[in-house]
Amino acid sequence: MNTDTKSNERGTESTATSPTQPAAGQTAAKLLVRCLENENVEFIFGVPGEENIDVMDALLDSPIKFVTVHHEQSAAFVPEVCGRLTGRAGQGATTRLH
């Protein structure tokens, strides 16, 4: 964990976590999954691939379920339909953007 040492009014040093440094073991993929969990996301529809493998690994420890589709267009259409049927936003993930 990255920490900053600061002197307080009494002249003693206190240790505080730097807000500009990530928490130990924190990755962008884990942060993304945590944000999605905070938004109560239940499913992500997509095509697994090397471009999103870090997100796939982060989902292993998450209650969010990754639903594999066979084509990237389905990764967009399925969450749209789920959103229309449930009234909740759907999430899609692709391996690449064109």
C-alpha atoms as a PDB file:
ATOM      1  CA  MET A   1       0.000   0.000   0.000  1.00  0.00           C
ATOM      2  CA  ASN A   2       1.338   3.410  -0.886  1.00  0.00           C
ATOM      3  CA  THR A   3       1.342   5.792   2.027  1.00  0.00           C
ATOM      4  CA  ASP A   4       2.329   9.359   2.699  1.00  0.00           C
ATOM      5  CA  THR A   5       3.860  10.384   5.999  1.00  0.00           C
ATOM      6  CA  LYS A   6       2.700  13.733   7.325  1.00  0.00           C
ATOM      7  CA  SER A   7       3.373  15.652  10.525  1.00  0.00           C
ATOM      8  CA  ASN A   8       0.323  16.775  12.449  1.00  0.00           C
ATOM      9  CA  GLU A   9      -0.058  19.662  14.928  1.00  0.00           C
ATOM     10  CA  ARG A  10       1.580  17.709  17.738  1.00  0.00           C
ATOM     11  CA  GLY A  11       4.684  17.033  15.676  1.00  0.00           C
ATOM     12  CA  THR A  12       3.979  13.310  15.475  1.00  0.00           C
ATOM     13  CA  GLU A  13       3.860  11.566  12.156  1.00  0.00           C
ATOM     14  CA  SER A  14       0.695  10.031  10.809  1.00  0.00           C
ATOM     15  CA  THR A  15       0.437   7.693   7.860  1.00  0.00           C
ATOM     16  CA  ALA A  16      -2.337   8.222   5.295  1.00  0.00           C
ATOM     17  CA  THR A  17      -3.138   6.438   2.076  1.00  0.00           C
ATOM     18  CA  SER A  18      -2.462   8.631  -0.941  1.00  0.00           C
ATOM     19  CA  PRO A  19      -5.676   9.283  -2.904  1.00  0.00           C
ATOM     20  CA  THR A  20      -3.716   9.387  -6.159  1.00  0.00           C
ATOM     21  CA  GLN A  21      -2.320   5.876  -5.781  1.00  0.00           C
ATOM     22  CA  PRO A  22      -4.353   2.717  -6.388  1.00  0.00           C
ATOM     23  CA  ALA A  23      -5.009   0.340  -3.530  1.00  0.00           C
ATOM     24  CA  ALA A  24      -2.725  -2.665  -3.323  1.00  0.00           C
ATOM     25  CA  GLY A  25      -3.761  -5.241  -5.905  1.00  0.00           C
ATOM     26  CA  GLN A  26      -6.277  -2.861  -7.518  1.00  0.00           C
ATOM     27  CA  THR A  27      -6.453  -3.012 -11.309  1.00  0.00           C
ATOM     28  CA  ALA A  28      -8.566  -1.124 -13.809  1.00  0.00           C
ATOM     29  CA  ALA A  29     -10.548  -4.300 -14.474  1.00  0.00           C
ATOM     30  CA  LYS A  30     -11.283  -4.832 -10.767  1.00  0.00           C
ATOM     31  CA  LEU A  31     -12.300  -1.203 -10.400  1.00  0.00           C
ATOM     32  CA  LEU A  32     -14.624  -1.503 -13.409  1.00  0.00           C
ATOM     33  CA  VAL A  33     -16.265  -4.616 -11.966  1.00  0.00           C
ATOM     34  CA  ARG A  34     -16.630  -2.939  -8.572  1.00  0.00           C
ATOM     35  CA  CYS A  35     -18.337   0.058 -10.214  1.00  0.00           C
ATOM     36  CA  LEU A  36     -20.700  -2.261 -12.097  1.00  0.00           C
ATOM     37  CA  GLU A  37     -21.507  -4.074  -8.835  1.00  0.00           C
ATOM     38  CA  ASN A  38     -22.315  -0.726  -7.205  1.00  0.00           C
ATOM     39  CA  GLU A  39     -24.796  -0.098 -10.030  1.00  0.00           C
ATOM     40  CA  ASN A  40     -26.439  -3.500  -9.330  1.00  0.00           C
ATOM     41  CA  VAL A  41     -25.474  -4.994 -12.681  1.00  0.00           C
ATOM     42  CA  GLU A  42     -26.472  -8.653 -12.866  1.00  0.00           C
ATOM     43  CA  PHE A  43     -25.312  -9.687 -16.346  1.00  0.00           C
ATOM     44  CA  ILE A  44     -22.770  -8.671 -18.953  1.00  0.00           C
ATOM     45  CA  PHE A  45     -23.267 -10.019 -22.469  1.00  0.00           C
ATOM     46  CA  GLY A  46     -20.246 -10.322 -24.701  1.00  0.00           C
ATOM     47  CA  VAL A  47     -17.595 -12.194 -26.599  1.00  0.00           C
ATOM     48  CA  PRO A  48     -14.614 -13.225 -24.478  1.00  0.00           C
ATOM     49  CA  GLY A  49     -11.224 -12.486 -25.945  1.00  0.00           C
ATOM     50  CA  GLU A  50      -7.708 -11.406 -25.147  1.00  0.00           C
ATOM     51  CA  GLU A  51      -8.706  -7.729 -25.128  1.00  0.00           C
ATOM     52  CA  ASN A  52     -11.100  -8.195 -22.197  1.00  0.00           C
ATOM     53  CA  ILE A  53      -9.427 -11.112 -20.397  1.00  0.00           C
ATOM     54  CA  ASP A  54      -8.585  -8.939 -17.379  1.00  0.00           C
ATOM     55  CA  VAL A  55     -12.256  -8.049 -16.959  1.00  0.00           C
ATOM     56  CA  MET A  56     -13.199 -11.705 -17.354  1.00  0.00           C
ATOM     57  CA  ASP A  57     -10.720 -12.607 -14.581  1.00  0.00           C
ATOM     58  CA  ALA A  58     -12.087  -9.838 -12.335  1.00  0.00           C
ATOM     59  CA  LEU A  59     -15.620 -11.207 -12.850  1.00  0.00           C
ATOM     60  CA  LEU A  60     -14.595 -14.549 -11.308  1.00  0.00           C
ATOM     61  CA  ASP A  61     -14.854 -13.015  -7.821  1.00  0.00           C
ATOM     62  CA  SER A  62     -18.037 -11.099  -8.625  1.00  0.00           C
ATOM     63  CA  PRO A  63     -21.732 -11.961  -8.482  1.00  0.00           C
ATOM     64  CA  ILE A  64     -22.062 -10.487 -11.991  1.00  0.00           C
ATOM     65  CA  LYS A  65     -22.578 -13.214 -14.577  1.00  0.00           C
ATOM     66  CA  PHE A  66     -20.895 -13.029 -17.973  1.00  0.00           C
ATOM     67  CA  VAL A  67     -23.151 -14.423 -20.706  1.00  0.00           C
ATOM     68  CA  THR A  68     -21.228 -15.460 -23.805  1.00  0.00           C
ATOM     69  CA  VAL A  69     -22.740 -14.577 -27.173  1.00  0.00           C
ATOM     70  CA  HIS A  70     -21.470 -15.709 -30.561  1.00  0.00           C
ATOM     71  CA  HIS A  71     -21.345 -12.354 -32.300  1.00  0.00           C
ATOM     72  CA  GLU A  72     -20.564  -8.801 -31.213  1.00  0.00           C
ATOM     73  CA  GLN A  73     -23.875  -7.532 -32.578  1.00  0.00           C
ATOM     74  CA  SER A  74     -25.627  -9.862 -30.142  1.00  0.00           C
ATOM     75  CA  ALA A  75     -23.547  -8.317 -27.342  1.00  0.00           C
ATOM     76  CA  ALA A  76     -25.371  -5.066 -28.137  1.00  0.00           C
ATOM     77  CA  PHE A  77     -28.840  -6.389 -29.015  1.00  0.00           C
ATOM     78  CA  VAL A  78     -29.338  -8.723 -26.033  1.00  0.00           C
ATOM     79  CA  PRO A  79     -28.758  -6.064 -23.335  1.00  0.00           C
ATOM     80  CA  GLU A  80     -31.025  -3.685 -25.261  1.00  0.00           C
ATOM     81  CA  VAL A  81     -33.855  -6.222 -25.211  1.00  0.00           C
ATOM     82  CA  CYS A  82     -33.225  -7.015 -21.540  1.00  0.00           C
ATOM     83  CA  GLY A  83     -33.378  -3.301 -20.796  1.00  0.00           C
ATOM     84  CA  ARG A  84     -36.681  -2.928 -22.623  1.00  0.00           C
ATOM     85  CA  LEU A  85     -38.192  -5.947 -20.858  1.00  0.00           C
ATOM     86  CA  THR A  86     -36.938  -5.201 -17.350  1.00  0.00           C
ATOM     87  CA  GLY A  87     -36.647  -1.402 -17.339  1.00  0.00           C
ATOM     88  CA  ARG A  88     -33.025  -1.688 -16.198  1.00  0.00           C
ATOM     89  CA  ALA A  89     -30.000  -0.753 -18.263  1.00  0.00           C
ATOM     90  CA  GLY A  90     -28.254  -3.641 -19.977  1.00  0.00           C
ATOM     91  CA  GLN A  91     -24.492  -4.087 -20.357  1.00  0.00           C
ATOM     92  CA  GLY A  92     -22.560  -5.403 -23.306  1.00  0.00           C
ATOM     93  CA  ALA A  93     -18.868  -6.100 -23.834  1.00  0.00           C
ATOM     94  CA  THR A  94     -17.037  -6.775 -27.073  1.00  0.00           C
ATOM     95  CA  THR A  95     -13.529  -7.893 -27.834  1.00  0.00           C
ATOM     96  CA  ARG A  96     -12.848  -4.926 -30.099  1.00  0.00           C
ATOM     97  CA  LEU A  97     -14.424  -1.739 -31.342  1.00  0.00           C
ATOM     98  CA  HIS A  98     -14.690  -1.119 -35.072  1.00  0.00           C
END
